[in-house]
Amino acid sequence: GELNSLSSYMRGRLTLDKVNAALDELASCAEANHRLMAAARASNSKLSGADRKRATELYHCIASKEGIKGRFWFLDSDLREGASIRPDKTGKAILMMLRHLKRLEEVRCSLDGSSAVVYLLC
């Protein structure tokens, strides 16, 4: 299907299973960010101070921005904890493929005074 429509240099040795596992992981990262911010807004949540601060930061710096608001997203830094997708050569190839297939968008935002890469799931 879609994977076969890519050039062989872009596809490399990636299999459909690897790409699907990576997509599932990216979706769970995006969902975790969404849940963290929802928990911070709930009055009865039992978030630690650090988690609450992080959620507030994410909301004000990223989630409330035009073009991102209401969509599922994850940060470049979220990839460091992943199993299927990491910020290595294979992980970057998967992200490049997903961007090419219009399954992912890349947006740069300011977070803590530095630039952060935000990936939007399409």
C-alpha atoms as a PDB file:
ATOM      1  CA  GLY A   1       0.000   0.000   0.000  1.00  0.00           C
ATOM      2  CA  GLU A   2       1.327   3.329   1.127  1.00  0.00           C
ATOM      3  CA  LEU A   3       4.699   1.940   2.169  1.00  0.00           C
ATOM      4  CA  ASN A   4       5.297   0.487  -1.283  1.00  0.00           C
ATOM      5  CA  SER A   5       4.555   3.855  -2.883  1.00  0.00           C
ATOM      6  CA  LEU A   6       7.733   5.265  -1.316  1.00  0.00           C
ATOM      7  CA  SER A   7      11.069   5.193  -3.092  1.00  0.00           C
ATOM      8  CA  SER A   8      13.318   2.317  -2.089  1.00  0.00           C
ATOM      9  CA  TYR A   9      15.986   4.716  -0.769  1.00  0.00           C
ATOM     10  CA  MET A  10      13.399   6.221   1.593  1.00  0.00           C
ATOM     11  CA  ARG A  11      11.918   2.885   2.644  1.00  0.00           C
ATOM     12  CA  GLY A  12      15.267   1.202   3.210  1.00  0.00           C
ATOM     13  CA  ARG A  13      14.944  -2.003   5.197  1.00  0.00           C
ATOM     14  CA  LEU A  14      11.906  -0.906   7.149  1.00  0.00           C
ATOM     15  CA  THR A  15       9.064  -3.376   7.315  1.00  0.00           C
ATOM     16  CA  LEU A  16       5.380  -2.655   7.683  1.00  0.00           C
ATOM     17  CA  ASP A  17       5.475  -4.183  11.191  1.00  0.00           C
ATOM     18  CA  LYS A  18       8.226  -1.768  12.306  1.00  0.00           C
ATOM     19  CA  VAL A  19       6.368   1.231  10.928  1.00  0.00           C
ATOM     20  CA  ASN A  20       3.064   0.149  12.525  1.00  0.00           C
ATOM     21  CA  ALA A  21       4.771  -0.465  15.895  1.00  0.00           C
ATOM     22  CA  ALA A  22       6.338   3.003  15.691  1.00  0.00           C
ATOM     23  CA  LEU A  23       2.975   4.589  14.806  1.00  0.00           C
ATOM     24  CA  ASP A  24       1.308   2.889  17.791  1.00  0.00           C
ATOM     25  CA  GLU A  25       4.054   4.189  20.050  1.00  0.00           C
ATOM     26  CA  LEU A  26       3.772   7.722  18.673  1.00  0.00           C
ATOM     27  CA  ALA A  27       0.009   7.661  19.220  1.00  0.00           C
ATOM     28  CA  SER A  28       0.502   6.540  22.831  1.00  0.00           C
ATOM     29  CA  CYS A  29       3.026   9.384  23.395  1.00  0.00           C
ATOM     30  CA  ALA A  30       0.475  11.866  22.066  1.00  0.00           C
ATOM     31  CA  GLU A  31      -2.246  10.342  24.236  1.00  0.00           C
ATOM     32  CA  ALA A  32      -0.001  10.521  27.333  1.00  0.00           C
ATOM     33  CA  ASN A  33       0.568  14.260  26.760  1.00  0.00           C
ATOM     34  CA  HIS A  34      -3.179  14.757  26.345  1.00  0.00           C
ATOM     35  CA  ARG A  35      -3.934  12.816  29.551  1.00  0.00           C
ATOM     36  CA  LEU A  36      -1.301  14.739  31.528  1.00  0.00           C
ATOM     37  CA  MET A  37      -2.817  18.084  30.550  1.00  0.00           C
ATOM     38  CA  ALA A  38      -6.359  16.848  31.241  1.00  0.00           C
ATOM     39  CA  ALA A  39      -5.287  15.632  34.689  1.00  0.00           C
ATOM     40  CA  ALA A  40      -3.717  19.006  35.459  1.00  0.00           C
ATOM     41  CA  ARG A  41      -6.991  20.759  34.623  1.00  0.00           C
ATOM     42  CA  ALA A  42      -9.054  18.394  36.794  1.00  0.00           C
ATOM     43  CA  SER A  43      -9.534  19.782  40.289  1.00  0.00           C
ATOM     44  CA  ASN A  44      -9.321  16.385  42.028  1.00  0.00           C
ATOM     45  CA  SER A  45      -6.160  15.131  40.278  1.00  0.00           C
ATOM     46  CA  LYS A  46      -3.281  13.808  42.335  1.00  0.00           C
ATOM     47  CA  LEU A  47      -0.432  15.050  40.132  1.00  0.00           C
ATOM     48  CA  SER A  48       2.924  15.858  41.676  1.00  0.00           C
ATOM     49  CA  GLY A  49       4.078  19.463  41.573  1.00  0.00           C
ATOM     50  CA  ALA A  50       6.609  18.710  38.822  1.00  0.00           C
ATOM     51  CA  ASP A  51       3.986  16.966  36.650  1.00  0.00           C
ATOM     52  CA  ARG A  52       1.511  19.789  37.165  1.00  0.00           C
ATOM     53  CA  LYS A  53       4.181  22.355  36.211  1.00  0.00           C
ATOM     54  CA  ARG A  54       5.141  20.326  33.123  1.00  0.00           C
ATOM     55  CA  ALA A  55       1.475  20.004  32.053  1.00  0.00           C
ATOM     56  CA  THR A  56       0.873  23.738  32.485  1.00  0.00           C
ATOM     57  CA  GLU A  57       4.035  24.487  30.491  1.00  0.00           C
ATOM     58  CA  LEU A  58       2.978  22.131  27.691  1.00  0.00           C
ATOM     59  CA  TYR A  59      -0.485  23.645  27.575  1.00  0.00           C
ATOM     60  CA  HIS A  60       0.619  27.277  27.467  1.00  0.00           C
ATOM     61  CA  CYS A  61       3.658  26.860  25.203  1.00  0.00           C
ATOM     62  CA  ILE A  62       2.348  24.247  22.770  1.00  0.00           C
ATOM     63  CA  ALA A  63      -1.214  22.949  23.066  1.00  0.00           C
ATOM     64  CA  SER A  64      -2.886  26.366  22.966  1.00  0.00           C
ATOM     65  CA  LYS A  65      -1.050  27.469  19.793  1.00  0.00           C
ATOM     66  CA  GLU A  66      -2.932  27.982  16.547  1.00  0.00           C
ATOM     67  CA  GLY A  67      -2.642  24.911  14.304  1.00  0.00           C
ATOM     68  CA  ILE A  68      -1.868  22.622  17.240  1.00  0.00           C
ATOM     69  CA  LYS A  69      -4.923  23.235  19.398  1.00  0.00           C
ATOM     70  CA  GLY A  70      -7.319  20.265  19.384  1.00  0.00           C
ATOM     71  CA  ARG A  71      -4.861  17.884  17.684  1.00  0.00           C
ATOM     72  CA  PHE A  72      -2.777  15.023  19.029  1.00  0.00           C
ATOM     73  CA  TRP A  73       0.935  15.793  19.232  1.00  0.00           C
ATOM     74  CA  PHE A  74       4.172  14.704  20.841  1.00  0.00           C
ATOM     75  CA  LEU A  75       7.593  16.224  21.332  1.00  0.00           C
ATOM     76  CA  ASP A  76      10.945  15.235  19.937  1.00  0.00           C
ATOM     77  CA  SER A  77      12.018  14.633  23.556  1.00  0.00           C
ATOM     78  CA  ASP A  78       9.219  12.044  24.008  1.00  0.00           C
ATOM     79  CA  LEU A  79      11.041   9.779  21.548  1.00  0.00           C
ATOM     80  CA  ARG A  80      13.932   9.215  23.955  1.00  0.00           C
ATOM     81  CA  GLU A  81      11.873   6.888  26.161  1.00  0.00           C
ATOM     82  CA  GLY A  82      10.504   4.850  23.254  1.00  0.00           C
ATOM     83  CA  ALA A  83      11.129   1.218  22.403  1.00  0.00           C
ATOM     84  CA  SER A  84      10.003   1.067  18.758  1.00  0.00           C
ATOM     85  CA  ILE A  85      11.139   4.523  17.758  1.00  0.00           C
ATOM     86  CA  ARG A  86      14.189   6.338  19.087  1.00  0.00           C
ATOM     87  CA  PRO A  87      16.061   9.432  17.929  1.00  0.00           C
ATOM     88  CA  ASP A  88      18.545   7.268  15.998  1.00  0.00           C
ATOM     89  CA  LYS A  89      18.958   6.754  12.259  1.00  0.00           C
ATOM     90  CA  THR A  90      16.059   4.276  11.966  1.00  0.00           C
ATOM     91  CA  GLY A  91      13.762   6.472  14.059  1.00  0.00           C
ATOM     92  CA  LYS A  92      14.551   9.512  11.944  1.00  0.00           C
ATOM     93  CA  ALA A  93      13.879   7.464   8.780  1.00  0.00           C
ATOM     94  CA  ILE A  94      10.461   6.427  10.119  1.00  0.00           C
ATOM     95  CA  LEU A  95       9.597  10.047  10.967  1.00  0.00           C
ATOM     96  CA  MET A  96      10.741  11.164   7.500  1.00  0.00           C
ATOM     97  CA  MET A  97       8.557   8.481   5.872  1.00  0.00           C
ATOM     98  CA  LEU A  98       5.509   9.456   7.927  1.00  0.00           C
ATOM     99  CA  ARG A  99       6.010  13.127   7.044  1.00  0.00           C
ATOM    100  CA  HIS A 100       6.300  12.210   3.368  1.00  0.00           C
ATOM    101  CA  LEU A 101       3.072  10.166   3.568  1.00  0.00           C
ATOM    102  CA  LYS A 102       1.334  13.139   5.244  1.00  0.00           C
ATOM    103  CA  ARG A 103       0.716  11.134   8.450  1.00  0.00           C
ATOM    104  CA  LEU A 104       2.836  13.526  10.482  1.00  0.00           C
ATOM    105  CA  GLU A 105       3.504  17.263  10.490  1.00  0.00           C
ATOM    106  CA  GLU A 106       6.493  18.967  12.057  1.00  0.00           C
ATOM    107  CA  VAL A 107       6.100  22.313  13.846  1.00  0.00           C
ATOM    108  CA  ARG A 108       8.706  24.260  15.791  1.00  0.00           C
ATOM    109  CA  CYS A 109       7.653  25.909  19.053  1.00  0.00           C
ATOM    110  CA  SER A 110       9.376  27.688  21.888  1.00  0.00           C
ATOM    111  CA  LEU A 111       9.458  25.681  25.134  1.00  0.00           C
ATOM    112  CA  ASP A 112      11.446  26.864  28.169  1.00  0.00           C
ATOM    113  CA  GLY A 113      13.120  29.510  26.044  1.00  0.00           C
ATOM    114  CA  SER A 114      14.516  26.982  23.582  1.00  0.00           C
ATOM    115  CA  SER A 115      13.170  25.632  20.323  1.00  0.00           C
ATOM    116  CA  ALA A 116      11.262  22.354  20.496  1.00  0.00           C
ATOM    117  CA  VAL A 117      10.114  20.169  17.621  1.00  0.00           C
ATOM    118  CA  VAL A 118       6.444  19.232  17.900  1.00  0.00           C
ATOM    119  CA  TYR A 119       5.059  16.420  15.734  1.00  0.00           C
ATOM    120  CA  LEU A 120       1.353  16.520  14.911  1.00  0.00           C
ATOM    121  CA  LEU A 121      -0.450  13.291  14.056  1.00  0.00           C
ATOM    122  CA  CYS A 122      -2.595  13.668  10.933  1.00  0.00           C
END
